[in-house]
């Protein structure tokens, strides 16, 4: 299974490009799942049909989903609340559920929801040859791609801190009670479980044989500047940027050759500005799409 992320500045055509790639891969005999994890979905307009979290077969070998992030925010909060209740049973008297009503407004919740939705997609559709993600706006995409590594940093520090607390706790217990048994600590167990989980996700995202990012841009200064930021940040995370797609190229502005210097180590593809909207399965199938290294 290979994982493809299509990202770029809003309005450059990343949804269209993710749809084009999905259609062409499926027409080549591959089993493909295309999932929009962008809160402002566009795939239903591109394919001209209603879409939801339930996979819809658009063409032989191609299924399409539009993920409802609000559902995953609620699931994340519900799962977290249950975990807190299980781990911190002694704090039941503090009515933890009241705090979770406020937690849904906390920074970072949407990023965790996107990551949870992505993880669920990868687990449920392991039988696919390709899973393609049409991503959210740049800021949210970069944050959720960075989330596994960022989470690992503080989780490992938290585990180390918890181990120090437990050592001191054990010393005190042995002073007061000889032959005191050392019991497993549910908090440390949960932290270690999370470390293993985020290590798996991080390893998957940084595996060049399995995961790649495809940046879509238009030939204008704002699009180029944001694309350079995406390229730099994604590369710093250790995630491979395979292709940069110059979309709607009409011959004006910088030449494709001039743009190559901004994205070293990637292949630059050029898609011409077509007449009319690139919507509908027939139009997507017939579109002359260069084959990138996927």
C-alpha atoms as a PDB file:
ATOM      1  CA  UNK A   1       0.000   0.000   0.000  1.00  0.00           C
ATOM      2  CA  UNK A   2       1.220   3.493  -0.911  1.00  0.00           C
ATOM      3  CA  UNK A   3       0.000   6.722   0.677  1.00  0.00           C
ATOM      4  CA  UNK A   4      -0.199   9.980  -1.285  1.00  0.00           C
ATOM      5  CA  UNK A   5      -0.911  13.409   0.207  1.00  0.00           C
ATOM      6  CA  UNK A   6      -1.949  16.232  -2.118  1.00  0.00           C
ATOM      7  CA  UNK A   7      -1.405  19.627  -0.554  1.00  0.00           C
ATOM      8  CA  UNK A   8      -0.951  23.270  -1.500  1.00  0.00           C
ATOM      9  CA  UNK A   9      -2.346  26.755  -1.121  1.00  0.00           C
ATOM     10  CA  UNK A  10      -6.126  27.074  -1.162  1.00  0.00           C
ATOM     11  CA  UNK A  11      -7.591  27.291  -4.642  1.00  0.00           C
ATOM     12  CA  UNK A  12      -4.602  25.948  -6.589  1.00  0.00           C
ATOM     13  CA  UNK A  13      -6.373  22.726  -7.570  1.00  0.00           C
ATOM     14  CA  UNK A  14      -5.132  20.121  -5.106  1.00  0.00           C
ATOM     15  CA  UNK A  15      -8.568  18.455  -4.916  1.00  0.00           C
ATOM     16  CA  UNK A  16      -8.749  18.242  -8.707  1.00  0.00           C
ATOM     17  CA  UNK A  17      -5.221  16.845  -8.886  1.00  0.00           C
ATOM     18  CA  UNK A  18      -5.893  14.250  -6.192  1.00  0.00           C
ATOM     19  CA  UNK A  19      -9.029  13.204  -8.104  1.00  0.00           C
ATOM     20  CA  UNK A  20      -7.136  13.036 -11.401  1.00  0.00           C
ATOM     21  CA  UNK A  21      -4.415  10.869  -9.879  1.00  0.00           C
ATOM     22  CA  UNK A  22      -6.971   8.576  -8.236  1.00  0.00           C
ATOM     23  CA  UNK A  23      -8.959   8.120 -11.469  1.00  0.00           C
ATOM     24  CA  UNK A  24      -5.863   7.408 -13.558  1.00  0.00           C
ATOM     25  CA  UNK A  25      -4.406   4.947 -11.049  1.00  0.00           C
ATOM     26  CA  UNK A  26      -7.731   3.101 -10.872  1.00  0.00           C
ATOM     27  CA  UNK A  27      -8.017   2.994 -14.660  1.00  0.00           C
ATOM     28  CA  UNK A  28      -4.567   1.384 -14.663  1.00  0.00           C
ATOM     29  CA  UNK A  29      -5.916  -1.534 -12.641  1.00  0.00           C
ATOM     30  CA  UNK A  30      -4.990  -0.382  -9.131  1.00  0.00           C
ATOM     31  CA  UNK A  31      -7.281  -0.490  -6.093  1.00  0.00           C
ATOM     32  CA  UNK A  32      -7.557   3.121  -4.935  1.00  0.00           C
ATOM     33  CA  UNK A  33      -9.225   4.955  -2.050  1.00  0.00           C
ATOM     34  CA  UNK A  34      -9.470   8.745  -2.279  1.00  0.00           C
ATOM     35  CA  UNK A  35     -10.285  10.483   1.012  1.00  0.00           C
ATOM     36  CA  UNK A  36     -10.925  14.196   1.496  1.00  0.00           C
ATOM     37  CA  UNK A  37      -9.822  15.253   4.993  1.00  0.00           C
ATOM     38  CA  UNK A  38     -10.330  18.909   4.133  1.00  0.00           C
ATOM     39  CA  UNK A  39     -13.145  20.469   6.232  1.00  0.00           C
ATOM     40  CA  UNK A  40     -14.286  22.302   3.070  1.00  0.00           C
ATOM     41  CA  UNK A  41     -14.832  19.303   0.796  1.00  0.00           C
ATOM     42  CA  UNK A  42     -14.618  19.698  -2.984  1.00  0.00           C
ATOM     43  CA  UNK A  43     -14.613  16.111  -4.234  1.00  0.00           C
ATOM     44  CA  UNK A  44     -18.419  15.885  -4.432  1.00  0.00           C
ATOM     45  CA  UNK A  45     -18.379  18.873  -6.803  1.00  0.00           C
ATOM     46  CA  UNK A  46     -15.535  17.406  -8.849  1.00  0.00           C
ATOM     47  CA  UNK A  47     -17.229  14.016  -9.245  1.00  0.00           C
ATOM     48  CA  UNK A  48     -20.702  15.602  -9.487  1.00  0.00           C
ATOM     49  CA  UNK A  49     -22.298  13.319  -6.913  1.00  0.00           C
ATOM     50  CA  UNK A  50     -22.994  13.291  -3.162  1.00  0.00           C
ATOM     51  CA  UNK A  51     -20.242  11.793  -0.999  1.00  0.00           C
ATOM     52  CA  UNK A  52     -19.950  10.929   2.692  1.00  0.00           C
ATOM     53  CA  UNK A  53     -17.846   8.942   5.159  1.00  0.00           C
ATOM     54  CA  UNK A  54     -19.244   5.797   3.585  1.00  0.00           C
ATOM     55  CA  UNK A  55     -17.026   4.803   0.614  1.00  0.00           C
ATOM     56  CA  UNK A  56     -18.707   5.295  -2.766  1.00  0.00           C
ATOM     57  CA  UNK A  57     -17.448   3.395  -5.790  1.00  0.00           C
ATOM     58  CA  UNK A  58     -16.971   6.022  -8.489  1.00  0.00           C
ATOM     59  CA  UNK A  59     -15.362   3.721 -11.058  1.00  0.00           C
ATOM     60  CA  UNK A  60     -13.960   0.170 -11.093  1.00  0.00           C
ATOM     61  CA  UNK A  61     -11.198   0.078  -8.482  1.00  0.00           C
ATOM     62  CA  UNK A  62     -11.908   3.587  -7.144  1.00  0.00           C
ATOM     63  CA  UNK A  63     -13.734   4.433  -3.914  1.00  0.00           C
ATOM     64  CA  UNK A  64     -14.119   7.990  -2.595  1.00  0.00           C
ATOM     65  CA  UNK A  65     -14.792   9.316   0.925  1.00  0.00           C
ATOM     66  CA  UNK A  66     -15.356  12.765   2.402  1.00  0.00           C
ATOM     67  CA  UNK A  67     -14.419  12.609   6.087  1.00  0.00           C
ATOM     68  CA  UNK A  68     -16.564  14.550   8.558  1.00  0.00           C
ATOM     69  CA  UNK A  69     -13.961  15.999  10.936  1.00  0.00           C
ATOM     70  CA  UNK A  70     -16.638  17.021  13.463  1.00  0.00           C
ATOM     71  CA  UNK A  71     -17.377  13.325  13.965  1.00  0.00           C
ATOM     72  CA  UNK A  72     -13.707  12.641  14.646  1.00  0.00           C
ATOM     73  CA  UNK A  73     -13.385  15.577  17.044  1.00  0.00           C
ATOM     74  CA  UNK A  74     -16.279  14.122  19.075  1.00  0.00           C
ATOM     75  CA  UNK A  75     -14.757  10.634  18.915  1.00  0.00           C
ATOM     76  CA  UNK A  76     -11.364  11.916  20.035  1.00  0.00           C
ATOM     77  CA  UNK A  77     -12.886  13.719  23.033  1.00  0.00           C
ATOM     78  CA  UNK A  78     -15.080  10.747  23.956  1.00  0.00           C
ATOM     79  CA  UNK A  79     -12.148   8.315  23.781  1.00  0.00           C
ATOM     80  CA  UNK A  80      -9.970  10.669  25.810  1.00  0.00           C
ATOM     81  CA  UNK A  81     -12.632  11.081  28.476  1.00  0.00           C
ATOM     82  CA  UNK A  82     -13.001   7.302  28.799  1.00  0.00           C
ATOM     83  CA  UNK A  83      -9.244   6.838  29.039  1.00  0.00           C
ATOM     84  CA  UNK A  84      -9.010   9.455  31.786  1.00  0.00           C
ATOM     85  CA  UNK A  85     -11.776   7.710  33.699  1.00  0.00           C
ATOM     86  CA  UNK A  86      -9.985   4.372  33.394  1.00  0.00           C
ATOM     87  CA  UNK A  87      -6.547   5.690  34.355  1.00  0.00           C
ATOM     88  CA  UNK A  88      -7.588   8.237  36.986  1.00  0.00           C
ATOM     89  CA  UNK A  89     -10.405   6.393  38.750  1.00  0.00           C
ATOM     90  CA  UNK A  90      -9.413   7.999  42.032  1.00  0.00           C
ATOM     91  CA  UNK A  91     -10.369  11.401  40.591  1.00  0.00           C
ATOM     92  CA  UNK A  92     -14.001  10.492  39.816  1.00  0.00           C
ATOM     93  CA  UNK A  93     -15.121  12.835  42.561  1.00  0.00           C
ATOM     94  CA  UNK A  94     -13.817  15.778  40.551  1.00  0.00           C
ATOM     95  CA  UNK A  95     -16.418  15.218  37.792  1.00  0.00           C
ATOM     96  CA  UNK A  96     -13.919  15.082  34.922  1.00  0.00           C
ATOM     97  CA  UNK A  97     -16.666  15.120  32.299  1.00  0.00           C
ATOM     98  CA  UNK A  98     -17.236  18.834  33.029  1.00  0.00           C
ATOM     99  CA  UNK A  99     -13.737  19.654  31.860  1.00  0.00           C
ATOM    100  CA  UNK A 100     -14.213  17.865  28.537  1.00  0.00           C
ATOM    101  CA  UNK A 101     -16.992  20.268  27.606  1.00  0.00           C
ATOM    102  CA  UNK A 102     -14.324  22.974  27.585  1.00  0.00           C
ATOM    103  CA  UNK A 103     -11.570  20.813  26.074  1.00  0.00           C
ATOM    104  CA  UNK A 104     -13.251  20.702  22.653  1.00  0.00           C
ATOM    105  CA  UNK A 105     -12.305  24.377  22.227  1.00  0.00           C
ATOM    106  CA  UNK A 106      -8.626  23.747  23.013  1.00  0.00           C
ATOM    107  CA  UNK A 107      -5.919  24.386  20.396  1.00  0.00           C
ATOM    108  CA  UNK A 108      -4.736  21.238  18.640  1.00  0.00           C
ATOM    109  CA  UNK A 109      -7.979  19.252  18.890  1.00  0.00           C
ATOM    110  CA  UNK A 110      -8.673  19.528  15.153  1.00  0.00           C
ATOM    111  CA  UNK A 111      -5.158  18.313  14.316  1.00  0.00           C
ATOM    112  CA  UNK A 112      -5.613  15.234  16.507  1.00  0.00           C
ATOM    113  CA  UNK A 113      -8.996  14.617  14.858  1.00  0.00           C
ATOM    114  CA  UNK A 114      -7.410  14.714  11.385  1.00  0.00           C
ATOM    115  CA  UNK A 115      -4.657  12.352  12.519  1.00  0.00           C
ATOM    116  CA  UNK A 116      -7.221   9.991  14.039  1.00  0.00           C
ATOM    117  CA  UNK A 117      -9.257  10.007  10.818  1.00  0.00           C
ATOM    118  CA  UNK A 118      -6.136   9.342   8.756  1.00  0.00           C
ATOM    119  CA  UNK A 119      -5.040   6.500  11.041  1.00  0.00           C
ATOM    120  CA  UNK A 120      -8.507   4.943  10.857  1.00  0.00           C
ATOM    121  CA  UNK A 121      -8.486   5.125   7.047  1.00  0.00           C
ATOM    122  CA  UNK A 122      -5.106   3.409   6.838  1.00  0.00           C
ATOM    123  CA  UNK A 123      -6.222   0.621   9.179  1.00  0.00           C
ATOM    124  CA  UNK A 124      -9.606  -0.011   7.524  1.00  0.00           C
ATOM    125  CA  UNK A 125      -8.424   0.014   3.917  1.00  0.00           C
ATOM    126  CA  UNK A 126      -5.161  -1.903   4.050  1.00  0.00           C
ATOM    127  CA  UNK A 127      -6.291  -3.915   1.023  1.00  0.00           C
ATOM    128  CA  UNK A 128      -5.897  -0.871  -1.258  1.00  0.00           C
ATOM    129  CA  UNK A 129      -2.878  -0.356  -3.499  1.00  0.00           C
ATOM    130  CA  UNK A 130      -3.104   3.418  -3.037  1.00  0.00           C
ATOM    131  CA  UNK A 131      -4.708   5.624  -0.412  1.00  0.00           C
ATOM    132  CA  UNK A 132      -4.820   9.260  -1.520  1.00  0.00           C
ATOM    133  CA  UNK A 133      -5.573  12.129   0.856  1.00  0.00           C
ATOM    134  CA  UNK A 134      -6.911  15.477  -0.314  1.00  0.00           C
ATOM    135  CA  UNK A 135      -5.620  17.568   2.571  1.00  0.00           C
ATOM    136  CA  UNK A 136      -6.883  20.564   4.599  1.00  0.00           C
ATOM    137  CA  UNK A 137      -5.437  24.102   4.320  1.00  0.00           C
ATOM    138  CA  UNK A 138      -1.658  24.362   4.652  1.00  0.00           C
ATOM    139  CA  UNK A 139      -1.466  25.298   8.350  1.00  0.00           C
ATOM    140  CA  UNK A 140      -3.657  22.405   9.486  1.00  0.00           C
ATOM    141  CA  UNK A 141      -1.912  19.933   7.173  1.00  0.00           C
ATOM    142  CA  UNK A 142       1.559  20.840   8.427  1.00  0.00           C
ATOM    143  CA  UNK A 143       0.411  20.636  12.050  1.00  0.00           C
ATOM    144  CA  UNK A 144      -1.153  17.201  11.755  1.00  0.00           C
ATOM    145  CA  UNK A 145       1.828  15.845   9.786  1.00  0.00           C
ATOM    146  CA  UNK A 146       4.124  17.160  12.537  1.00  0.00           C
ATOM    147  CA  UNK A 147       1.888  15.879  15.323  1.00  0.00           C
ATOM    148  CA  UNK A 148       3.393  12.374  15.710  1.00  0.00           C
ATOM    149  CA  UNK A 149       6.933  13.697  16.165  1.00  0.00           C
ATOM    150  CA  UNK A 150       5.855  16.566  18.420  1.00  0.00           C
ATOM    151  CA  UNK A 151       3.749  14.195  20.535  1.00  0.00           C
ATOM    152  CA  UNK A 152       6.678  11.778  20.849  1.00  0.00           C
ATOM    153  CA  UNK A 153       8.920  14.538  22.214  1.00  0.00           C
ATOM    154  CA  UNK A 154       6.679  15.418  25.137  1.00  0.00           C
ATOM    155  CA  UNK A 155       5.450  11.839  25.729  1.00  0.00           C
ATOM    156  CA  UNK A 156       9.013  10.589  26.188  1.00  0.00           C
ATOM    157  CA  UNK A 157       9.744  13.441  28.585  1.00  0.00           C
ATOM    158  CA  UNK A 158       6.493  12.686  30.385  1.00  0.00           C
ATOM    159  CA  UNK A 159       7.428   8.989  30.662  1.00  0.00           C
ATOM    160  CA  UNK A 160      10.816   9.891  32.108  1.00  0.00           C
ATOM    161  CA  UNK A 161       9.190  12.249  34.643  1.00  0.00           C
ATOM    162  CA  UNK A 162       6.611   9.602  35.600  1.00  0.00           C
ATOM    163  CA  UNK A 163       9.369   7.008  36.122  1.00  0.00           C
ATOM    164  CA  UNK A 164      11.146   9.363  38.521  1.00  0.00           C
ATOM    165  CA  UNK A 165       7.925   9.846  40.503  1.00  0.00           C
ATOM    166  CA  UNK A 166       7.366   6.084  40.700  1.00  0.00           C
ATOM    167  CA  UNK A 167      10.923   5.426  41.920  1.00  0.00           C
ATOM    168  CA  UNK A 168      10.478   7.895  44.769  1.00  0.00           C
ATOM    169  CA  UNK A 169       7.041   6.492  45.491  1.00  0.00           C
ATOM    170  CA  UNK A 170       8.475   2.946  45.702  1.00  0.00           C
ATOM    171  CA  UNK A 171      11.233   4.083  48.077  1.00  0.00           C
ATOM    172  CA  UNK A 172       8.671   5.680  50.397  1.00  0.00           C
ATOM    173  CA  UNK A 173       6.449   2.582  50.231  1.00  0.00           C
ATOM    174  CA  UNK A 174       9.338   0.252  51.147  1.00  0.00           C
ATOM    175  CA  UNK A 175      10.293   2.443  54.102  1.00  0.00           C
ATOM    176  CA  UNK A 176       6.773   2.246  55.511  1.00  0.00           C
ATOM    177  CA  UNK A 177       6.078  -1.354  54.503  1.00  0.00           C
ATOM    178  CA  UNK A 178       8.730  -3.998  54.132  1.00  0.00           C
ATOM    179  CA  UNK A 179       8.366  -6.342  51.128  1.00  0.00           C
ATOM    180  CA  UNK A 180       5.931  -3.927  49.509  1.00  0.00           C
ATOM    181  CA  UNK A 181       4.924  -5.124  46.038  1.00  0.00           C
ATOM    182  CA  UNK A 182       5.597  -2.870  43.083  1.00  0.00           C
ATOM    183  CA  UNK A 183       2.361  -2.621  41.093  1.00  0.00           C
ATOM    184  CA  UNK A 184       2.084  -1.702  37.445  1.00  0.00           C
ATOM    185  CA  UNK A 185       1.351   1.974  36.972  1.00  0.00           C
ATOM    186  CA  UNK A 186      -1.638   2.566  34.638  1.00  0.00           C
ATOM    187  CA  UNK A 187      -0.496   6.104  33.808  1.00  0.00           C
ATOM    188  CA  UNK A 188       2.961   4.960  32.676  1.00  0.00           C
ATOM    189  CA  UNK A 189       1.417   2.056  30.764  1.00  0.00           C
ATOM    190  CA  UNK A 190      -0.841   4.471  28.904  1.00  0.00           C
ATOM    191  CA  UNK A 191       2.067   6.801  28.086  1.00  0.00           C
ATOM    192  CA  UNK A 192       4.118   3.881  26.745  1.00  0.00           C
ATOM    193  CA  UNK A 193       1.162   2.734  24.645  1.00  0.00           C
ATOM    194  CA  UNK A 194       0.871   6.221  23.116  1.00  0.00           C
ATOM    195  CA  UNK A 195       4.617   6.323  22.427  1.00  0.00           C
ATOM    196  CA  UNK A 196       4.382   3.054  20.494  1.00  0.00           C
ATOM    197  CA  UNK A 197       1.368   4.307  18.568  1.00  0.00           C
ATOM    198  CA  UNK A 198       2.975   7.591  17.498  1.00  0.00           C
ATOM    199  CA  UNK A 199       6.237   5.843  16.630  1.00  0.00           C
ATOM    200  CA  UNK A 200       4.316   3.593  14.216  1.00  0.00           C
ATOM    201  CA  UNK A 201       2.610   6.582  12.577  1.00  0.00           C
ATOM    202  CA  UNK A 202       5.871   8.570  12.393  1.00  0.00           C
ATOM    203  CA  UNK A 203       7.728   5.619  10.867  1.00  0.00           C
ATOM    204  CA  UNK A 204       4.982   5.215   8.263  1.00  0.00           C
ATOM    205  CA  UNK A 205       4.956   8.902   7.289  1.00  0.00           C
ATOM    206  CA  UNK A 206       8.749   8.990   6.890  1.00  0.00           C
ATOM    207  CA  UNK A 207       8.954   5.740   4.912  1.00  0.00           C
ATOM    208  CA  UNK A 208       9.809   6.946   1.381  1.00  0.00           C
ATOM    209  CA  UNK A 209       8.742   3.618  -0.112  1.00  0.00           C
ATOM    210  CA  UNK A 210       5.213   4.000   1.256  1.00  0.00           C
ATOM    211  CA  UNK A 211       4.441   7.704   1.759  1.00  0.00           C
ATOM    212  CA  UNK A 212       4.849  10.735  -0.478  1.00  0.00           C
ATOM    213  CA  UNK A 213       3.642  14.326  -0.596  1.00  0.00           C
ATOM    214  CA  UNK A 214       2.607  16.050  -3.829  1.00  0.00           C
ATOM    215  CA  UNK A 215       2.549  19.856  -3.750  1.00  0.00           C
ATOM    216  CA  UNK A 216       0.183  21.646  -6.141  1.00  0.00           C
ATOM    217  CA  UNK A 217       0.809  25.289  -7.044  1.00  0.00           C
ATOM    218  CA  UNK A 218      -0.140  27.927  -9.591  1.00  0.00           C
ATOM    219  CA  UNK A 219       2.344  30.162 -11.380  1.00  0.00           C
ATOM    220  CA  UNK A 220       2.067  33.203  -9.086  1.00  0.00           C
ATOM    221  CA  UNK A 221       4.228  34.599  -6.298  1.00  0.00           C
ATOM    222  CA  UNK A 222       1.849  33.846  -3.398  1.00  0.00           C
ATOM    223  CA  UNK A 223       1.334  30.254  -4.457  1.00  0.00           C
ATOM    224  CA  UNK A 224       5.068  29.770  -4.962  1.00  0.00           C
ATOM    225  CA  UNK A 225       5.941  31.273  -1.561  1.00  0.00           C
ATOM    226  CA  UNK A 226       3.461  29.028   0.291  1.00  0.00           C
ATOM    227  CA  UNK A 227       4.594  25.982  -1.670  1.00  0.00           C
ATOM    228  CA  UNK A 228       8.212  26.673  -0.687  1.00  0.00           C
ATOM    229  CA  UNK A 229       7.121  26.807   2.976  1.00  0.00           C
ATOM    230  CA  UNK A 230       5.295  23.483   2.603  1.00  0.00           C
ATOM    231  CA  UNK A 231       8.297  21.905   0.875  1.00  0.00           C
ATOM    232  CA  UNK A 232      10.697  23.102   3.590  1.00  0.00           C
ATOM    233  CA  UNK A 233       8.496  22.078   6.542  1.00  0.00           C
ATOM    234  CA  UNK A 234       7.542  18.666   5.138  1.00  0.00           C
ATOM    235  CA  UNK A 235      11.159  17.908   4.236  1.00  0.00           C
ATOM    236  CA  UNK A 236      12.273  18.907   7.754  1.00  0.00           C
ATOM    237  CA  UNK A 237       9.781  16.384   9.126  1.00  0.00           C
ATOM    238  CA  UNK A 238      11.553  13.687   7.130  1.00  0.00           C
ATOM    239  CA  UNK A 239       8.588  13.156   4.788  1.00  0.00           C
ATOM    240  CA  UNK A 240       9.349  12.772   1.087  1.00  0.00           C
ATOM    241  CA  UNK A 241       8.025  15.386  -1.354  1.00  0.00           C
ATOM    242  CA  UNK A 242       7.908  13.393  -4.577  1.00  0.00           C
ATOM    243  CA  UNK A 243       6.403  15.837  -7.051  1.00  0.00           C
ATOM    244  CA  UNK A 244       5.574  19.507  -7.413  1.00  0.00           C
ATOM    245  CA  UNK A 245       2.661  20.051  -9.791  1.00  0.00           C
ATOM    246  CA  UNK A 246       2.469  23.351 -11.664  1.00  0.00           C
ATOM    247  CA  UNK A 247      -1.263  23.503 -12.281  1.00  0.00           C
ATOM    248  CA  UNK A 248      -3.171  25.610 -14.854  1.00  0.00           C
ATOM    249  CA  UNK A 249       0.030  26.580 -16.664  1.00  0.00           C
ATOM    250  CA  UNK A 250      -0.743  28.867 -19.628  1.00  0.00           C
ATOM    251  CA  UNK A 251       2.803  29.771 -20.629  1.00  0.00           C
ATOM    252  CA  UNK A 252       3.011  33.032 -18.679  1.00  0.00           C
ATOM    253  CA  UNK A 253       5.074  33.695 -15.572  1.00  0.00           C
ATOM    254  CA  UNK A 254       8.146  31.668 -14.629  1.00  0.00           C
ATOM    255  CA  UNK A 255       9.007  28.722 -16.828  1.00  0.00           C
ATOM    256  CA  UNK A 256       8.873  25.240 -15.254  1.00  0.00           C
ATOM    257  CA  UNK A 257      12.667  25.167 -15.517  1.00  0.00           C
ATOM    258  CA  UNK A 258      12.914  28.335 -13.387  1.00  0.00           C
ATOM    259  CA  UNK A 259      10.783  26.747 -10.667  1.00  0.00           C
ATOM    260  CA  UNK A 260      12.909  23.600 -10.339  1.00  0.00           C
ATOM    261  CA  UNK A 261      15.554  25.433  -8.281  1.00  0.00           C
ATOM    262  CA  UNK A 262      12.976  26.044  -5.526  1.00  0.00           C
ATOM    263  CA  UNK A 263      12.207  22.336  -5.063  1.00  0.00           C
ATOM    264  CA  UNK A 264      15.440  20.380  -5.307  1.00  0.00           C
ATOM    265  CA  UNK A 265      15.163  16.606  -5.364  1.00  0.00           C
ATOM    266  CA  UNK A 266      11.600  16.548  -6.690  1.00  0.00           C
ATOM    267  CA  UNK A 267      10.060  16.100 -10.108  1.00  0.00           C
ATOM    268  CA  UNK A 268       8.190  19.095 -11.499  1.00  0.00           C
ATOM    269  CA  UNK A 269       5.053  18.258 -13.475  1.00  0.00           C
ATOM    270  CA  UNK A 270       3.141  20.749 -15.598  1.00  0.00           C
ATOM    271  CA  UNK A 271      -0.607  20.601 -16.167  1.00  0.00           C
ATOM    272  CA  UNK A 272      -2.046  22.915 -18.817  1.00  0.00           C
ATOM    273  CA  UNK A 273      -4.908  25.293 -18.194  1.00  0.00           C
ATOM    274  CA  UNK A 274      -7.861  23.483 -19.728  1.00  0.00           C
ATOM    275  CA  UNK A 275     -11.032  24.898 -21.170  1.00  0.00           C
ATOM    276  CA  UNK A 276     -13.939  24.764 -18.743  1.00  0.00           C
ATOM    277  CA  UNK A 277     -14.086  22.926 -15.421  1.00  0.00           C
ATOM    278  CA  UNK A 278     -12.336  19.616 -14.904  1.00  0.00           C
ATOM    279  CA  UNK A 279     -15.334  17.859 -13.380  1.00  0.00           C
ATOM    280  CA  UNK A 280     -17.148  14.605 -13.996  1.00  0.00           C
ATOM    281  CA  UNK A 281     -15.674  11.133 -14.349  1.00  0.00           C
ATOM    282  CA  UNK A 282     -15.529  11.254 -18.148  1.00  0.00           C
ATOM    283  CA  UNK A 283     -13.548  14.518 -18.159  1.00  0.00           C
ATOM    284  CA  UNK A 284     -11.190  13.316 -15.417  1.00  0.00           C
ATOM    285  CA  UNK A 285     -10.547  10.027 -17.229  1.00  0.00           C
ATOM    286  CA  UNK A 286      -9.730  11.693 -20.540  1.00  0.00           C
ATOM    287  CA  UNK A 287      -7.486  14.395 -19.048  1.00  0.00           C
ATOM    288  CA  UNK A 288      -3.863  13.995 -20.311  1.00  0.00           C
ATOM    289  CA  UNK A 289      -2.068  13.444 -16.996  1.00  0.00           C
ATOM    290  CA  UNK A 290       1.741  13.006 -16.834  1.00  0.00           C
ATOM    291  CA  UNK A 291       2.777   9.990 -14.796  1.00  0.00           C
ATOM    292  CA  UNK A 292       4.725  10.979 -11.655  1.00  0.00           C
ATOM    293  CA  UNK A 293       6.909   8.555  -9.681  1.00  0.00           C
ATOM    294  CA  UNK A 294       4.352   7.135  -7.207  1.00  0.00           C
END
